[in-house]
């Protein structure tokens, strides 16, 4: 049923649904917030790995 790959058509449908749900004005702010959250998560994971290396 699901092949695990998304084609161009699938991505266009997903983007269209997001625009309908959130509106075109709110999508850039949502993407910016998601990017900031990902950067924070990466930094925290990196700090955790550094602390673990120091303890060994």
N, C-alpha and C. Protein backbone atom coordinates (compact mmCIF):
# COMPACT_ATOMS: atom_id res chain seq x y z
N UNK A 1 0.82 -1.19 0.00
CA UNK A 1 0.00 0.00 0.00
C UNK A 1 0.87 1.26 0.00
N UNK A 2 1.80 1.35 0.96
CA UNK A 2 2.70 2.50 1.01
C UNK A 2 4.07 2.05 0.54
N UNK A 3 4.59 2.71 -0.47
CA UNK A 3 5.88 2.30 -1.00
C UNK A 3 7.04 2.95 -0.26
N UNK A 4 6.75 3.99 0.55
CA UNK A 4 7.79 4.63 1.33
C UNK A 4 8.45 5.79 0.61
N UNK A 5 8.08 6.04 -0.63
CA UNK A 5 8.66 7.16 -1.35
C UNK A 5 7.57 8.15 -1.71
N UNK A 6 7.91 9.41 -1.63
CA UNK A 6 6.98 10.46 -1.98
C UNK A 6 7.40 11.05 -3.32
N UNK A 7 6.44 11.13 -4.22
CA UNK A 7 6.70 11.77 -5.50
C UNK A 7 6.37 13.25 -5.42
N UNK A 8 6.58 13.93 -6.52
CA UNK A 8 6.30 15.36 -6.58
C UNK A 8 4.83 15.63 -6.30
N UNK A 9 3.97 14.81 -6.85
CA UNK A 9 2.53 14.99 -6.65
C UNK A 9 2.15 14.88 -5.18
N UNK A 10 2.74 13.93 -4.48
CA UNK A 10 2.46 13.77 -3.06
C UNK A 10 2.88 15.00 -2.27
N UNK A 11 4.07 15.54 -2.57
CA UNK A 11 4.55 16.73 -1.87
C UNK A 11 3.65 17.93 -2.15
N UNK A 12 3.19 18.06 -3.39
CA UNK A 12 2.29 19.17 -3.71
C UNK A 12 0.98 19.07 -2.94
N UNK A 13 0.47 17.87 -2.79
CA UNK A 13 -0.76 17.66 -2.01
C UNK A 13 -0.52 18.02 -0.55
N UNK A 14 0.60 17.58 0.01
CA UNK A 14 0.90 17.87 1.42
C UNK A 14 1.03 19.38 1.61
N UNK A 15 1.74 20.06 0.72
CA UNK A 15 1.90 21.50 0.82
C UNK A 15 0.55 22.20 0.69
N UNK A 16 -0.27 21.73 -0.23
CA UNK A 16 -1.60 22.31 -0.40
C UNK A 16 -2.45 22.17 0.84
N UNK A 17 -2.41 21.02 1.47
CA UNK A 17 -3.18 20.80 2.70
C UNK A 17 -2.68 21.71 3.81
N UNK A 18 -1.37 21.87 3.93
CA UNK A 18 -0.80 22.74 4.96
C UNK A 18 -1.23 24.19 4.74
N UNK A 19 -1.24 24.63 3.50
CA UNK A 19 -1.65 26.00 3.21
C UNK A 19 -3.12 26.19 3.57
N UNK A 20 -3.93 25.21 3.26
CA UNK A 20 -5.36 25.31 3.58
C UNK A 20 -5.57 25.31 5.09
N UNK A 21 -4.85 24.45 5.81
CA UNK A 21 -5.04 24.35 7.26
C UNK A 21 -4.53 25.56 8.01
N UNK A 22 -3.32 26.03 7.66
CA UNK A 22 -2.68 27.07 8.44
C UNK A 22 -2.74 28.45 7.81
N UNK A 23 -2.96 28.52 6.54
CA UNK A 23 -2.95 29.80 5.85
C UNK A 23 -1.55 30.17 5.41
N UNK A 24 -1.47 30.87 4.30
CA UNK A 24 -0.16 31.19 3.72
C UNK A 24 0.63 32.14 4.60
N UNK A 25 -0.03 32.98 5.38
CA UNK A 25 0.68 33.95 6.22
C UNK A 25 1.35 33.31 7.42
N UNK A 26 0.78 32.23 7.94
CA UNK A 26 1.33 31.62 9.16
C UNK A 26 2.37 30.55 8.88
N UNK A 27 2.46 30.05 7.65
CA UNK A 27 3.42 28.99 7.35
C UNK A 27 4.88 29.41 7.53
N UNK A 28 5.31 30.59 7.08
CA UNK A 28 6.72 30.96 7.31
C UNK A 28 7.08 31.03 8.80
N UNK A 29 6.17 31.54 9.61
CA UNK A 29 6.44 31.61 11.05
C UNK A 29 6.52 30.21 11.65
N UNK A 30 5.66 29.32 11.19
CA UNK A 30 5.68 27.95 11.70
C UNK A 30 6.98 27.24 11.28
N UNK A 31 7.41 27.45 10.04
CA UNK A 31 8.66 26.85 9.57
C UNK A 31 9.85 27.41 10.33
N UNK A 32 9.83 28.71 10.61
CA UNK A 32 10.92 29.34 11.37
C UNK A 32 10.98 28.75 12.77
N UNK A 33 9.83 28.60 13.41
CA UNK A 33 9.78 28.02 14.75
C UNK A 33 10.27 26.58 14.77
N UNK A 34 9.91 25.82 13.74
CA UNK A 34 10.37 24.44 13.65
C UNK A 34 11.88 24.38 13.48
N UNK A 35 12.42 25.27 12.65
CA UNK A 35 13.87 25.31 12.45
C UNK A 35 14.61 25.67 13.73
N UNK A 36 14.09 26.64 14.47
CA UNK A 36 14.72 27.02 15.73
C UNK A 36 14.66 25.87 16.73
N UNK A 37 13.55 25.16 16.77
CA UNK A 37 13.42 24.02 17.68
C UNK A 37 14.42 22.93 17.32
N UNK A 38 14.60 22.69 16.03
CA UNK A 38 15.56 21.67 15.61
C UNK A 38 16.99 22.07 15.98
N UNK A 39 17.33 23.36 15.83
CA UNK A 39 18.68 23.81 16.20
C UNK A 39 18.90 23.66 17.70
N UNK A 40 17.90 23.98 18.50
CA UNK A 40 18.01 23.83 19.95
C UNK A 40 18.20 22.37 20.32
N UNK A 41 17.41 21.49 19.70
CA UNK A 41 17.52 20.06 19.97
C UNK A 41 18.90 19.54 19.61
N UNK A 42 19.43 19.93 18.45
CA UNK A 42 20.76 19.49 18.05
C UNK A 42 21.82 19.97 19.04
N UNK A 43 21.70 21.22 19.48
CA UNK A 43 22.67 21.76 20.44
C UNK A 43 22.61 21.00 21.76
N UNK A 44 21.42 20.70 22.22
CA UNK A 44 21.28 19.96 23.48
C UNK A 44 21.83 18.55 23.34
N UNK A 45 21.58 17.89 22.22
CA UNK A 45 22.11 16.55 22.03
C UNK A 45 23.64 16.57 21.96
N UNK A 46 24.18 17.59 21.31
CA UNK A 46 25.64 17.73 21.22
C UNK A 46 26.24 17.96 22.61
N UNK A 47 25.58 18.81 23.40
CA UNK A 47 26.07 19.07 24.76
C UNK A 47 26.02 17.80 25.60
N UNK A 48 24.95 17.03 25.45
CA UNK A 48 24.83 15.78 26.19
C UNK A 48 25.94 14.82 25.81
N UNK A 49 26.25 14.72 24.54
CA UNK A 49 27.30 13.82 24.08
C UNK A 49 28.65 14.29 24.62
N UNK A 50 28.89 15.59 24.63
CA UNK A 50 30.14 16.12 25.17
C UNK A 50 30.28 15.82 26.65
N UNK A 51 29.20 15.96 27.41
CA UNK A 51 29.23 15.67 28.84
C UNK A 51 29.51 14.20 29.09
N UNK A 52 28.90 13.33 28.26
CA UNK A 52 29.14 11.90 28.41
C UNK A 52 30.60 11.55 28.13
N UNK A 53 31.19 12.21 27.12
CA UNK A 53 32.60 11.95 26.80
C UNK A 53 33.51 12.41 27.93
N UNK A 54 33.17 13.52 28.57
CA UNK A 54 33.99 14.04 29.68
C UNK A 54 33.92 13.13 30.89
N UNK A 55 32.79 12.47 31.12
CA UNK A 55 32.62 11.61 32.29
C UNK A 55 33.39 10.31 32.15
N UNK A 56 33.70 9.89 30.94
CA UNK A 56 34.38 8.60 30.75
C UNK A 56 35.84 8.68 31.01
